[in-house]
Amino acid sequence: MFFKYLSRNTLTVTIATLLGIGSLSLVNFSLKDRIDNAQANALRQTIVNLGQAFPASNYDNDISKSCYVPVDGAYNNTDPKVESLLLATKNGQVTGYILISDTWKGYSGLIRTMLVTDAQGTIKAVRILEQNETPGLGNKVITTNWVDNFNDLPLSQAQLPHLAVRKDGGQIQDFTGATITPRAIVNQVRANMQEVVKDLVENPNALATKFTPCSK
């Protein structure tokens, strides 16, 4: 009788656990589309907010849907890690590249950026999408117009010594007492320009051979 009772309890617990897991799975599934749509809308708004740096007249596609990710081994994709590549097109021709990437070399860890270039690889804008840097010091990268330091930097100068913070001999402003944050972002941008943007601009087969469409 004891073992029979125990088996019934075990069965009850097992069924309850499975029902709980099933319920959570259904909730996650039902929320996935909402989360994806919210993220896509936020991305579209960020692109729109680029304003004259990369105006809407430069493209006629939904950039957020022209999404690609690097194939394994295509680039030194560890840190910075390229999360996705978005294409801006007009009349079927590429007019710009938008790279979203992250680095863990900020003072407080993760920094996600958006790097926007034209089809020739000239930087049109850099935006900080996520950061946890120290208020009043490292977070000046978002509380000031610091990101404008990158504007209109051509691909030919996206290398040392040009694309580095001033403390490292470059031309990008850093902050007194807070060099780690701007250095991490500048190094991130430079690596993406040299490894990914340069390849896209100079190698006609780069998109087809080194990227795959984002999963839906």
N, C-alpha and C. Protein backbone atom coordinates (compact mmCIF):
# COMPACT_ATOMS: atom_id res chain seq x y z
N MET A 1 0.82 -1.21 0.00
CA MET A 1 0.00 0.00 0.00
C MET A 1 0.86 1.27 0.00
N PHE A 2 1.93 1.25 0.78
CA PHE A 2 2.83 2.40 0.86
C PHE A 2 3.42 2.75 -0.51
N PHE A 3 3.88 1.70 -1.23
CA PHE A 3 4.50 1.95 -2.53
C PHE A 3 3.46 2.41 -3.55
N LYS A 4 2.24 1.90 -3.42
CA LYS A 4 1.18 2.34 -4.31
C LYS A 4 0.88 3.82 -4.09
N TYR A 5 0.82 4.21 -2.82
CA TYR A 5 0.58 5.61 -2.47
C TYR A 5 1.71 6.51 -2.98
N LEU A 6 2.93 6.02 -2.80
CA LEU A 6 4.09 6.79 -3.26
C LEU A 6 4.06 6.97 -4.77
N SER A 7 3.68 5.95 -5.48
CA SER A 7 3.64 6.03 -6.94
C SER A 7 2.61 7.04 -7.40
N ARG A 8 1.47 7.08 -6.71
CA ARG A 8 0.44 8.06 -7.08
C ARG A 8 0.93 9.48 -6.84
N ASN A 9 1.62 9.69 -5.74
CA ASN A 9 2.17 11.02 -5.47
C ASN A 9 3.21 11.41 -6.50
N THR A 10 4.07 10.46 -6.83
CA THR A 10 5.10 10.72 -7.84
C THR A 10 4.46 11.07 -9.17
N LEU A 11 3.41 10.32 -9.53
CA LEU A 11 2.70 10.59 -10.78
C LEU A 11 2.07 11.97 -10.76
N THR A 12 1.50 12.35 -9.63
CA THR A 12 0.86 13.66 -9.50
C THR A 12 1.87 14.79 -9.67
N VAL A 13 3.01 14.61 -8.99
CA VAL A 13 4.07 15.63 -9.08
C VAL A 13 4.58 15.73 -10.52
N THR A 14 4.75 14.59 -11.16
CA THR A 14 5.25 14.57 -12.54
C THR A 14 4.28 15.28 -13.47
N ILE A 15 2.99 14.97 -13.33
CA ILE A 15 1.99 15.60 -14.19
C ILE A 15 1.95 17.11 -13.94
N ALA A 16 2.00 17.50 -12.67
CA ALA A 16 1.98 18.94 -12.33
C ALA A 16 3.19 19.65 -12.92
N THR A 17 4.35 18.98 -12.85
CA THR A 17 5.57 19.58 -13.40
C THR A 17 5.46 19.76 -14.90
N LEU A 18 4.95 18.71 -15.58
CA LEU A 18 4.81 18.78 -17.04
C LEU A 18 3.81 19.86 -17.44
N LEU A 19 2.72 19.97 -16.67
CA LEU A 19 1.74 21.01 -16.97
C LEU A 19 2.33 22.40 -16.77
N GLY A 20 3.15 22.53 -15.72
CA GLY A 20 3.79 23.81 -15.47
C GLY A 20 4.75 24.19 -16.58
N ILE A 21 5.55 23.21 -17.01
CA ILE A 21 6.49 23.46 -18.11
C ILE A 21 5.73 23.82 -19.38
N GLY A 22 4.64 23.07 -19.61
CA GLY A 22 3.84 23.34 -20.80
C GLY A 22 3.25 24.73 -20.79
N SER A 23 2.76 25.15 -19.62
CA SER A 23 2.18 26.50 -19.50
C SER A 23 3.22 27.58 -19.77
N LEU A 24 4.41 27.39 -19.19
CA LEU A 24 5.48 28.37 -19.40
C LEU A 24 5.87 28.43 -20.87
N SER A 25 5.91 27.28 -21.51
CA SER A 25 6.28 27.23 -22.93
C SER A 25 5.25 27.97 -23.77
N LEU A 26 3.96 27.78 -23.44
CA LEU A 26 2.90 28.47 -24.17
C LEU A 26 3.00 29.98 -23.98
N VAL A 27 3.28 30.40 -22.75
CA VAL A 27 3.42 31.84 -22.48
C VAL A 27 4.59 32.42 -23.25
N ASN A 28 5.73 31.71 -23.21
CA ASN A 28 6.91 32.19 -23.93
C ASN A 28 6.64 32.26 -25.42
N PHE A 29 5.94 31.24 -25.95
CA PHE A 29 5.64 31.22 -27.37
C PHE A 29 4.72 32.37 -27.75
N SER A 30 3.71 32.62 -26.91
CA SER A 30 2.76 33.68 -27.21
C SER A 30 3.40 35.06 -27.12
N LEU A 31 4.43 35.20 -26.26
CA LEU A 31 5.09 36.49 -26.09
C LEU A 31 6.19 36.73 -27.10
N LYS A 32 6.66 35.66 -27.74
CA LYS A 32 7.82 35.78 -28.63
C LYS A 32 7.56 36.78 -29.75
N ASP A 33 6.40 36.69 -30.40
CA ASP A 33 6.09 37.61 -31.49
C ASP A 33 6.03 39.05 -30.99
N ARG A 34 5.46 39.25 -29.80
CA ARG A 34 5.39 40.60 -29.24
C ARG A 34 6.79 41.16 -28.98
N ILE A 35 7.65 40.32 -28.40
CA ILE A 35 9.01 40.75 -28.10
C ILE A 35 9.77 41.06 -29.38
N ASP A 36 9.65 40.15 -30.37
CA ASP A 36 10.33 40.36 -31.66
C ASP A 36 9.85 41.64 -32.33
N ASN A 37 8.53 41.86 -32.32
CA ASN A 37 7.98 43.07 -32.94
C ASN A 37 8.44 44.32 -32.22
N ALA A 38 8.49 44.26 -30.88
CA ALA A 38 8.94 45.42 -30.10
C ALA A 38 10.39 45.75 -30.42
N GLN A 39 11.23 44.71 -30.51
CA GLN A 39 12.64 44.92 -30.82
C GLN A 39 12.81 45.48 -32.23
N ALA A 40 12.03 44.95 -33.18
CA ALA A 40 12.11 45.44 -34.56
C ALA A 40 11.67 46.90 -34.64
N ASN A 41 10.60 47.25 -33.91
CA ASN A 41 10.11 48.63 -33.92
C ASN A 41 11.13 49.57 -33.29
N ALA A 42 11.77 49.12 -32.20
CA ALA A 42 12.79 49.94 -31.55
C ALA A 42 13.97 50.17 -32.49
N LEU A 43 14.33 49.14 -33.23
CA LEU A 43 15.43 49.26 -34.17
C LEU A 43 15.08 50.23 -35.29
N ARG A 44 13.86 50.11 -35.82
CA ARG A 44 13.42 51.03 -36.87
C ARG A 44 13.46 52.47 -36.38
N GLN A 45 13.02 52.69 -35.13
CA GLN A 45 13.01 54.04 -34.58
C GLN A 45 14.42 54.58 -34.41
N THR A 46 15.34 53.73 -34.00
CA THR A 46 16.74 54.16 -33.86
C THR A 46 17.29 54.59 -35.21
N ILE A 47 16.95 53.84 -36.25
CA ILE A 47 17.42 54.18 -37.59
C ILE A 47 16.81 55.50 -38.05
N VAL A 48 15.50 55.65 -37.80
CA VAL A 48 14.83 56.91 -38.16
C VAL A 48 15.47 58.08 -37.44
N ASN A 49 15.82 57.87 -36.18
CA ASN A 49 16.40 58.94 -35.36
C ASN A 49 17.82 59.33 -35.77
N LEU A 50 18.39 58.61 -36.72
CA LEU A 50 19.70 59.00 -37.24
C LEU A 50 19.62 60.34 -37.95
N GLY A 51 18.42 60.68 -38.42
CA GLY A 51 18.20 61.99 -39.03
C GLY A 51 19.09 62.23 -40.24
N GLN A 52 19.70 63.40 -40.28
CA GLN A 52 20.52 63.78 -41.43
C GLN A 52 21.81 62.98 -41.54
N ALA A 53 22.20 62.31 -40.48
CA ALA A 53 23.38 61.46 -40.56
C ALA A 53 23.17 60.34 -41.58
N PHE A 54 21.94 59.81 -41.61
CA PHE A 54 21.59 58.79 -42.60
C PHE A 54 20.09 58.92 -42.85
N PRO A 55 19.70 59.91 -43.69
CA PRO A 55 18.29 60.24 -43.87
C PRO A 55 17.51 59.15 -44.61
N ALA A 56 16.20 59.19 -44.45
CA ALA A 56 15.32 58.20 -45.08
C ALA A 56 15.41 58.25 -46.60
N SER A 57 15.82 59.37 -47.15
CA SER A 57 15.96 59.47 -48.61
C SER A 57 17.07 58.58 -49.14
N ASN A 58 17.91 58.05 -48.24
CA ASN A 58 19.02 57.18 -48.66
C ASN A 58 18.56 55.75 -48.95
N TYR A 59 17.33 55.39 -48.57
CA TYR A 59 16.90 54.00 -48.75
C TYR A 59 15.39 53.94 -48.96
N ASP A 60 14.95 52.84 -49.58
CA ASP A 60 13.52 52.63 -49.80
C ASP A 60 13.07 51.26 -49.30
N ASN A 61 13.91 50.58 -48.54
CA ASN A 61 13.54 49.27 -47.99
C ASN A 61 13.30 49.37 -46.49
N ASP A 62 12.73 48.31 -45.93
CA ASP A 62 12.62 48.20 -44.47
C ASP A 62 13.94 47.60 -43.99
N ILE A 63 14.83 48.45 -43.52
CA ILE A 63 16.18 48.01 -43.17
C ILE A 63 16.15 46.90 -42.13
N SER A 64 15.23 46.98 -41.19
CA SER A 64 15.19 45.99 -40.12
C SER A 64 14.92 44.58 -40.64
N LYS A 65 14.35 44.47 -41.85
CA LYS A 65 14.05 43.16 -42.42
C LYS A 65 15.14 42.68 -43.37
N SER A 66 16.08 43.55 -43.69
CA SER A 66 17.22 43.15 -44.53
C SER A 66 18.37 42.77 -43.62
N CYS A 67 18.18 41.66 -42.92
CA CYS A 67 19.04 41.30 -41.80
C CYS A 67 19.87 40.05 -42.11
N TYR A 68 21.15 40.09 -41.73
CA TYR A 68 22.07 38.98 -41.96
C TYR A 68 22.94 38.78 -40.72
N VAL A 69 23.45 37.56 -40.57
CA VAL A 69 24.41 37.27 -39.50
C VAL A 69 25.63 36.61 -40.13
N PRO A 70 26.83 36.83 -39.57
CA PRO A 70 28.04 36.20 -40.13
C PRO A 70 27.98 34.69 -39.96
N VAL A 71 28.48 33.96 -40.95
CA VAL A 71 28.60 32.52 -40.80
C VAL A 71 29.78 32.23 -39.88
N ASP A 72 29.77 31.07 -39.26
CA ASP A 72 30.84 30.70 -38.35
C ASP A 72 32.19 30.75 -39.05
N GLY A 73 33.15 31.43 -38.42
CA GLY A 73 34.50 31.49 -38.95
C GLY A 73 34.73 32.54 -40.01
N ALA A 74 33.69 33.32 -40.35
CA ALA A 74 33.85 34.33 -41.40
C ALA A 74 34.78 35.44 -40.96
N TYR A 75 34.66 35.84 -39.69
CA TYR A 75 35.49 36.90 -39.16
C TYR A 75 35.98 36.51 -37.77
N ASN A 76 36.87 37.31 -37.22
CA ASN A 76 37.32 37.09 -35.84
C ASN A 76 36.21 37.59 -34.92
N ASN A 77 35.13 36.82 -34.88
CA ASN A 77 33.88 37.31 -34.31
C ASN A 77 33.73 36.90 -32.86
N THR A 78 34.68 37.33 -32.02
CA THR A 78 34.61 37.02 -30.59
C THR A 78 34.39 38.29 -29.78
N ASP A 79 35.31 39.21 -29.81
CA ASP A 79 35.14 40.50 -29.14
C ASP A 79 35.96 41.54 -29.90
N PRO A 80 35.29 42.42 -30.64
CA PRO A 80 33.84 42.59 -30.70
C PRO A 80 33.15 41.46 -31.48
N LYS A 81 31.93 41.19 -31.07
CA LYS A 81 31.12 40.17 -31.73
C LYS A 81 30.04 40.85 -32.56
N VAL A 82 30.03 40.56 -33.86
CA VAL A 82 29.00 41.12 -34.73
C VAL A 82 27.72 40.33 -34.55
N GLU A 83 26.69 41.00 -34.07
CA GLU A 83 25.40 40.34 -33.87
C GLU A 83 24.63 40.24 -35.18
N SER A 84 24.60 41.32 -35.92
CA SER A 84 23.85 41.32 -37.17
C SER A 84 24.32 42.43 -38.09
N LEU A 85 24.03 42.22 -39.37
CA LEU A 85 24.30 43.21 -40.41
C LEU A 85 22.97 43.55 -41.06
N LEU A 86 22.68 44.83 -41.16
CA LEU A 86 21.47 45.29 -41.82
C LEU A 86 21.87 46.06 -43.08
N LEU A 87 21.14 45.85 -44.16
CA LEU A 87 21.44 46.53 -45.41
C LEU A 87 20.43 47.62 -45.69
N ALA A 88 20.91 48.78 -46.07
CA ALA A 88 20.06 49.84 -46.60
C ALA A 88 20.19 49.79 -48.11
N THR A 89 19.05 49.79 -48.80
CA THR A 89 19.09 49.73 -50.26
C THR A 89 18.12 50.76 -50.84
N LYS A 90 18.42 51.15 -52.07
CA LYS A 90 17.52 52.04 -52.82
C LYS A 90 17.53 51.60 -54.27
N ASN A 91 16.35 51.35 -54.79
CA ASN A 91 16.22 50.82 -56.15
C ASN A 91 17.06 49.56 -56.34
N GLY A 92 17.13 48.76 -55.28
CA GLY A 92 17.83 47.48 -55.36
C GLY A 92 19.33 47.56 -55.19
N GLN A 93 19.87 48.75 -54.98
CA GLN A 93 21.31 48.92 -54.81
C GLN A 93 21.64 49.24 -53.36
N VAL A 94 22.73 48.64 -52.86
CA VAL A 94 23.15 48.90 -51.48
C VAL A 94 23.57 50.35 -51.32
N THR A 95 23.00 51.02 -50.32
CA THR A 95 23.36 52.41 -50.04
C THR A 95 24.01 52.56 -48.66
N GLY A 96 23.95 51.49 -47.86
CA GLY A 96 24.57 51.60 -46.54
C GLY A 96 24.60 50.28 -45.81
N TYR A 97 25.50 50.22 -44.84
CA TYR A 97 25.64 49.04 -43.99
C TYR A 97 25.44 49.47 -42.54
N ILE A 98 24.71 48.66 -41.80
CA ILE A 98 24.51 48.91 -40.38
C ILE A 98 24.93 47.65 -39.62
N LEU A 99 25.99 47.78 -38.83
CA LEU A 99 26.49 46.66 -38.04
C LEU A 99 26.10 46.85 -36.59
N ILE A 100 25.49 45.84 -36.02
CA ILE A 100 25.19 45.84 -34.59
C ILE A 100 26.12 44.82 -33.94
N SER A 101 26.89 45.28 -32.96
CA SER A 101 27.89 44.40 -32.35
C SER A 101 28.02 44.71 -30.87
N ASP A 102 28.73 43.84 -30.18
CA ASP A 102 28.96 44.08 -28.76
C ASP A 102 30.40 43.80 -28.38
N THR A 103 30.82 44.45 -27.32
CA THR A 103 32.13 44.21 -26.72
C THR A 103 31.95 44.12 -25.21
N TRP A 104 32.78 43.31 -24.58
CA TRP A 104 32.75 43.18 -23.13
C TRP A 104 33.92 43.90 -22.48
N LYS A 105 34.57 44.80 -23.22
CA LYS A 105 35.75 45.47 -22.72
C LYS A 105 35.47 46.85 -22.15
N GLY A 106 34.20 47.17 -21.94
CA GLY A 106 33.87 48.41 -21.26
C GLY A 106 34.25 48.32 -19.80
N TYR A 107 34.29 49.44 -19.13
CA TYR A 107 34.64 49.46 -17.70
C TYR A 107 33.68 48.61 -16.89
N SER A 108 32.40 48.63 -17.29
CA SER A 108 31.38 47.86 -16.57
C SER A 108 30.85 46.70 -17.40
N GLY A 109 31.63 46.28 -18.38
CA GLY A 109 31.23 45.10 -19.14
C GLY A 109 30.65 45.42 -20.50
N LEU A 110 29.45 44.89 -20.78
CA LEU A 110 28.86 44.90 -22.11
C LEU A 110 28.57 46.31 -22.63
N ILE A 111 28.98 46.55 -23.89
CA ILE A 111 28.60 47.74 -24.63
C ILE A 111 28.16 47.29 -26.02
N ARG A 112 26.91 47.61 -26.39
CA ARG A 112 26.40 47.29 -27.72
C ARG A 112 26.35 48.56 -28.54
N THR A 113 26.80 48.46 -29.79
CA THR A 113 26.82 49.64 -30.64
C THR A 113 26.18 49.37 -31.98
N MET A 114 25.78 50.44 -32.62
CA MET A 114 25.32 50.42 -34.01
C MET A 114 26.29 51.28 -34.82
N LEU A 115 26.90 50.67 -35.81
CA LEU A 115 27.82 51.36 -36.70
C LEU A 115 27.15 51.50 -38.06
N VAL A 116 27.02 52.73 -38.53
CA VAL A 116 26.33 53.01 -39.79
C VAL A 116 27.33 53.60 -40.79
N THR A 117 27.44 52.98 -41.96
CA THR A 117 28.31 53.51 -43.01
C THR A 117 27.53 53.62 -44.31
N ASP A 118 28.06 54.39 -45.23
CA ASP A 118 27.48 54.39 -46.58
C ASP A 118 28.07 53.23 -47.37
N ALA A 119 27.70 53.11 -48.63
CA ALA A 119 28.13 51.97 -49.44
C ALA A 119 29.63 51.96 -49.69
N GLN A 120 30.29 53.11 -49.52
CA GLN A 120 31.74 53.19 -49.71
C GLN A 120 32.50 52.96 -48.41
N GLY A 121 31.79 52.78 -47.31
CA GLY A 121 32.44 52.49 -46.05
C GLY A 121 32.75 53.70 -45.20
N THR A 122 32.27 54.88 -45.59
CA THR A 122 32.46 56.07 -44.77
C THR A 122 31.48 56.03 -43.60
N ILE A 123 31.98 56.27 -42.40
CA ILE A 123 31.11 56.23 -41.22
C ILE A 123 30.14 57.41 -41.24
N LYS A 124 28.86 57.11 -41.15
CA LYS A 124 27.84 58.15 -41.09
C LYS A 124 27.34 58.38 -39.67
N ALA A 125 27.39 57.33 -38.85
CA ALA A 125 26.93 57.48 -37.47
C ALA A 125 27.37 56.29 -36.64
N VAL A 126 27.56 56.53 -35.36
CA VAL A 126 27.75 55.47 -34.37
C VAL A 126 26.76 55.76 -33.24
N ARG A 127 26.05 54.72 -32.82
CA ARG A 127 25.11 54.87 -31.72
C ARG A 127 25.36 53.80 -30.66
N ILE A 128 25.22 54.18 -29.41
CA ILE A 128 25.38 53.24 -28.30
C ILE A 128 24.00 52.69 -27.97
N LEU A 129 23.78 51.41 -28.17
CA LEU A 129 22.49 50.78 -27.93
C LEU A 129 22.32 50.30 -26.49
N GLU A 130 23.44 49.95 -25.87
CA GLU A 130 23.37 49.43 -24.50
C GLU A 130 24.70 49.65 -23.82
N GLN A 131 24.67 50.09 -22.58
CA GLN A 131 25.89 50.30 -21.80
C GLN A 131 25.53 50.39 -20.33
N ASN A 132 26.48 50.12 -19.47
CA ASN A 132 26.28 50.21 -18.02
C ASN A 132 27.44 50.96 -17.37
N GLU A 133 27.97 51.94 -18.09
CA GLU A 133 29.15 52.63 -17.63
C GLU A 133 28.85 53.61 -16.49
N THR A 134 29.89 54.04 -15.82
CA THR A 134 29.77 54.87 -14.62
C THR A 134 29.13 56.23 -14.93
N PRO A 135 28.03 56.58 -14.26
CA PRO A 135 27.41 57.89 -14.47
C PRO A 135 28.40 59.03 -14.22
N GLY A 136 28.41 59.98 -15.12
CA GLY A 136 29.29 61.14 -14.97
C GLY A 136 30.69 60.92 -15.51
N LEU A 137 31.04 59.66 -15.82
CA LEU A 137 32.36 59.36 -16.36
C LEU A 137 32.20 58.62 -17.68
N GLY A 138 32.19 57.28 -17.60
CA GLY A 138 32.10 56.51 -18.83
C GLY A 138 30.82 56.72 -19.61
N ASN A 139 29.72 57.02 -18.90
CA ASN A 139 28.47 57.17 -19.63
C ASN A 139 28.37 58.49 -20.39
N LYS A 140 29.44 59.28 -20.37
CA LYS A 140 29.47 60.49 -21.20
C LYS A 140 29.39 60.13 -22.69
N VAL A 141 29.64 58.86 -23.02
CA VAL A 141 29.52 58.45 -24.43
C VAL A 141 28.08 58.56 -24.89
N ILE A 142 27.11 58.59 -23.94
CA ILE A 142 25.71 58.75 -24.35
C ILE A 142 25.10 60.06 -23.86
N THR A 143 25.71 60.70 -22.87
CA THR A 143 25.15 61.95 -22.35
C THR A 143 25.72 63.18 -23.02
N THR A 144 26.69 63.00 -23.89
CA THR A 144 27.27 64.10 -24.68
C THR A 144 27.19 63.72 -26.16
N ASN A 145 27.69 64.59 -27.01
CA ASN A 145 27.70 64.30 -28.45
C ASN A 145 28.99 63.60 -28.86
N TRP A 146 29.57 62.83 -27.95
CA TRP A 146 30.85 62.17 -28.20
C TRP A 146 30.84 61.31 -29.45
N VAL A 147 29.73 60.62 -29.72
CA VAL A 147 29.69 59.71 -30.88
C VAL A 147 29.86 60.46 -32.19
N ASP A 148 29.64 61.78 -32.19
CA ASP A 148 29.82 62.55 -33.42
C ASP A 148 31.27 62.61 -33.87
N ASN A 149 32.19 62.20 -32.98
CA ASN A 149 33.61 62.16 -33.36
C ASN A 149 33.85 61.23 -34.55
N PHE A 150 32.97 60.24 -34.75
CA PHE A 150 33.16 59.26 -35.81
C PHE A 150 32.61 59.72 -37.16
N ASN A 151 31.74 60.73 -37.15
CA ASN A 151 31.02 61.10 -38.35
C ASN A 151 31.95 61.44 -39.52
N ASP A 152 31.63 60.86 -40.67
CA ASP A 152 32.31 61.13 -41.94
C ASP A 152 33.76 60.65 -41.98
N LEU A 153 34.13 59.77 -41.09
CA LEU A 153 35.47 59.18 -41.15
C LEU A 153 35.50 58.17 -42.29
N PRO A 154 36.35 58.35 -43.30
CA PRO A 154 36.37 57.44 -44.45
C PRO A 154 37.02 56.10 -44.11
N LEU A 155 36.71 55.11 -44.90
CA LEU A 155 37.24 53.77 -44.69
C LEU A 155 38.76 53.78 -44.69
N SER A 156 39.36 54.64 -45.49
CA SER A 156 40.82 54.69 -45.60
C SER A 156 41.49 55.12 -44.30
N GLN A 157 40.73 55.81 -43.43
CA GLN A 157 41.30 56.27 -42.16
C GLN A 157 40.79 55.45 -40.97
N ALA A 158 40.04 54.40 -41.25
CA ALA A 158 39.50 53.57 -40.18
C ALA A 158 40.55 52.55 -39.73
N GLN A 159 41.68 53.05 -39.34
CA GLN A 159 42.80 52.22 -38.92
C GLN A 159 43.70 53.06 -38.01
N LEU A 160 44.65 52.41 -37.40
CA LEU A 160 45.64 53.15 -36.63
C LEU A 160 46.52 53.94 -37.59
N PRO A 161 46.97 55.14 -37.25
CA PRO A 161 46.78 55.82 -35.96
C PRO A 161 45.50 56.65 -35.88
N HIS A 162 44.76 56.78 -37.01
CA HIS A 162 43.62 57.70 -37.03
C HIS A 162 42.52 57.28 -36.06
N LEU A 163 42.04 56.05 -36.20
CA LEU A 163 40.89 55.62 -35.42
C LEU A 163 41.34 55.01 -34.11
N ALA A 164 41.62 55.89 -33.16
CA ALA A 164 42.02 55.51 -31.80
C ALA A 164 41.76 56.71 -30.92
N VAL A 165 41.66 56.49 -29.62
CA VAL A 165 41.48 57.63 -28.71
C VAL A 165 42.78 58.43 -28.65
N ARG A 166 42.68 59.68 -28.27
CA ARG A 166 43.85 60.56 -28.25
C ARG A 166 44.95 60.05 -27.33
N LYS A 167 44.56 59.41 -26.24
CA LYS A 167 45.56 58.88 -25.32
C LYS A 167 46.40 57.80 -25.98
N ASP A 168 45.83 57.16 -27.03
CA ASP A 168 46.56 56.14 -27.77
C ASP A 168 47.15 56.68 -29.07
N GLY A 169 47.14 58.00 -29.21
CA GLY A 169 47.73 58.63 -30.40
C GLY A 169 46.77 58.85 -31.54
N GLY A 170 45.48 58.64 -31.32
CA GLY A 170 44.50 58.81 -32.38
C GLY A 170 43.80 60.15 -32.34
N GLN A 171 42.69 60.25 -33.06
CA GLN A 171 41.99 61.53 -33.19
C GLN A 171 40.64 61.56 -32.49
N ILE A 172 40.27 60.48 -31.81
CA ILE A 172 38.98 60.43 -31.13
C ILE A 172 39.12 60.87 -29.68
N GLN A 173 38.31 61.83 -29.28
CA GLN A 173 38.34 62.37 -27.92
C GLN A 173 38.06 61.28 -26.89
N ASP A 174 38.80 61.34 -25.77
CA ASP A 174 38.46 60.49 -24.62
C ASP A 174 38.11 61.40 -23.45
N PHE A 175 37.89 60.83 -22.27
CA PHE A 175 37.47 61.62 -21.12
C PHE A 175 38.47 61.47 -19.99
N THR A 176 38.76 62.56 -19.34
CA THR A 176 39.67 62.52 -18.21
C THR A 176 39.13 61.58 -17.14
N GLY A 177 39.94 60.62 -16.75
CA GLY A 177 39.55 59.66 -15.72
C GLY A 177 38.63 58.56 -16.20
N ALA A 178 38.36 58.52 -17.51
CA ALA A 178 37.45 57.50 -18.03
C ALA A 178 37.83 57.12 -19.45
N THR A 179 39.03 56.63 -19.61
CA THR A 179 39.52 56.27 -20.94
C THR A 179 39.04 54.90 -21.38
N ILE A 180 38.78 54.01 -20.43
CA ILE A 180 38.46 52.63 -20.78
C ILE A 180 37.22 52.54 -21.66
N THR A 181 36.17 53.29 -21.34
CA THR A 181 34.93 53.22 -22.09
C THR A 181 35.09 53.69 -23.53
N PRO A 182 35.57 54.92 -23.77
CA PRO A 182 35.75 55.33 -25.17
C PRO A 182 36.73 54.45 -25.92
N ARG A 183 37.78 53.98 -25.25
CA ARG A 183 38.74 53.10 -25.92
C ARG A 183 38.06 51.81 -26.38
N ALA A 184 37.21 51.24 -25.52
CA ALA A 184 36.52 50.00 -25.88
C ALA A 184 35.64 50.20 -27.11
N ILE A 185 34.95 51.35 -27.16
CA ILE A 185 34.07 51.61 -28.30
C ILE A 185 34.86 51.89 -29.56
N VAL A 186 35.90 52.70 -29.45
CA VAL A 186 36.73 53.02 -30.61
C VAL A 186 37.38 51.75 -31.17
N ASN A 187 37.90 50.92 -30.29
CA ASN A 187 38.52 49.67 -30.76
C ASN A 187 37.50 48.75 -31.40
N GLN A 188 36.29 48.77 -30.87
CA GLN A 188 35.20 47.98 -31.44
C GLN A 188 34.87 48.46 -32.85
N VAL A 189 34.71 49.77 -32.99
CA VAL A 189 34.40 50.34 -34.30
C VAL A 189 35.53 50.07 -35.29
N ARG A 190 36.76 50.27 -34.86
CA ARG A 190 37.90 50.06 -35.76
C ARG A 190 37.95 48.60 -36.25
N ALA A 191 37.78 47.65 -35.35
CA ALA A 191 37.81 46.23 -35.73
C ALA A 191 36.69 45.92 -36.73
N ASN A 192 35.50 46.45 -36.48
CA ASN A 192 34.39 46.20 -37.39
C ASN A 192 34.62 46.83 -38.76
N MET A 193 35.22 48.01 -38.76
CA MET A 193 35.51 48.67 -40.03
C MET A 193 36.56 47.90 -40.83
N GLN A 194 37.62 47.50 -40.15
CA GLN A 194 38.72 46.82 -40.84
C GLN A 194 38.36 45.42 -41.30
N GLU A 195 37.61 44.69 -40.48
CA GLU A 195 37.34 43.30 -40.78
C GLU A 195 36.06 43.08 -41.59
N VAL A 196 35.01 43.82 -41.26
CA VAL A 196 33.71 43.54 -41.87
C VAL A 196 33.36 44.55 -42.97
N VAL A 197 33.33 45.83 -42.62
CA VAL A 197 32.94 46.84 -43.60
C VAL A 197 33.90 46.85 -44.78
N LYS A 198 35.19 46.80 -44.52
CA LYS A 198 36.18 46.78 -45.61
C LYS A 198 35.93 45.59 -46.54
N ASP A 199 35.62 44.46 -45.95
CA ASP A 199 35.35 43.26 -46.75
C ASP A 199 34.09 43.44 -47.60
N LEU A 200 33.04 43.99 -47.00
CA LEU A 200 31.80 44.21 -47.75
C LEU A 200 31.99 45.19 -48.90
N VAL A 201 32.78 46.22 -48.67
CA VAL A 201 33.00 47.24 -49.70
C VAL A 201 33.89 46.72 -50.82
N GLU A 202 34.93 45.98 -50.46
CA GLU A 202 35.94 45.59 -51.46
C GLU A 202 35.74 44.20 -52.05
N ASN A 203 34.96 43.36 -51.40
CA ASN A 203 34.76 41.99 -51.87
C ASN A 203 33.31 41.82 -52.32
N PRO A 204 33.05 41.75 -53.62
CA PRO A 204 31.67 41.64 -54.11
C PRO A 204 30.94 40.40 -53.62
N ASN A 205 31.69 39.37 -53.24
CA ASN A 205 31.06 38.12 -52.82
C ASN A 205 30.92 37.99 -51.30
N ALA A 206 31.32 39.02 -50.56
CA ALA A 206 31.34 38.92 -49.09
C ALA A 206 29.96 38.63 -48.51
N LEU A 207 28.94 39.34 -48.99
CA LEU A 207 27.61 39.14 -48.43
C LEU A 207 27.12 37.72 -48.69
N ALA A 208 27.35 37.22 -49.90
CA ALA A 208 26.84 35.90 -50.27
C ALA A 208 27.59 34.76 -49.60
N THR A 209 28.89 34.96 -49.38
CA THR A 209 29.70 33.86 -48.87
C THR A 209 29.96 33.91 -47.37
N LYS A 210 29.83 35.09 -46.75
CA LYS A 210 30.18 35.21 -45.35
C LYS A 210 29.02 35.57 -44.44
N PHE A 211 27.84 35.68 -45.02
CA PHE A 211 26.66 36.00 -44.22
C PHE A 211 25.50 35.09 -44.62
N THR A 212 24.58 34.95 -43.71
CA THR A 212 23.36 34.19 -43.97
C THR A 212 22.19 35.01 -43.43
N PRO A 213 21.02 34.91 -44.04
CA PRO A 213 19.87 35.70 -43.54
C PRO A 213 19.55 35.37 -42.09
N CYS A 214 19.12 36.38 -41.35
CA CYS A 214 18.70 36.16 -39.97
C CYS A 214 17.53 35.20 -39.94
N SER A 215 17.48 34.37 -38.93
CA SER A 215 16.36 33.46 -38.78
C SER A 215 15.12 34.23 -38.41
N LYS A 216 13.98 33.80 -38.90
CA LYS A 216 12.72 34.50 -38.64
C LYS A 216 12.10 34.00 -37.35
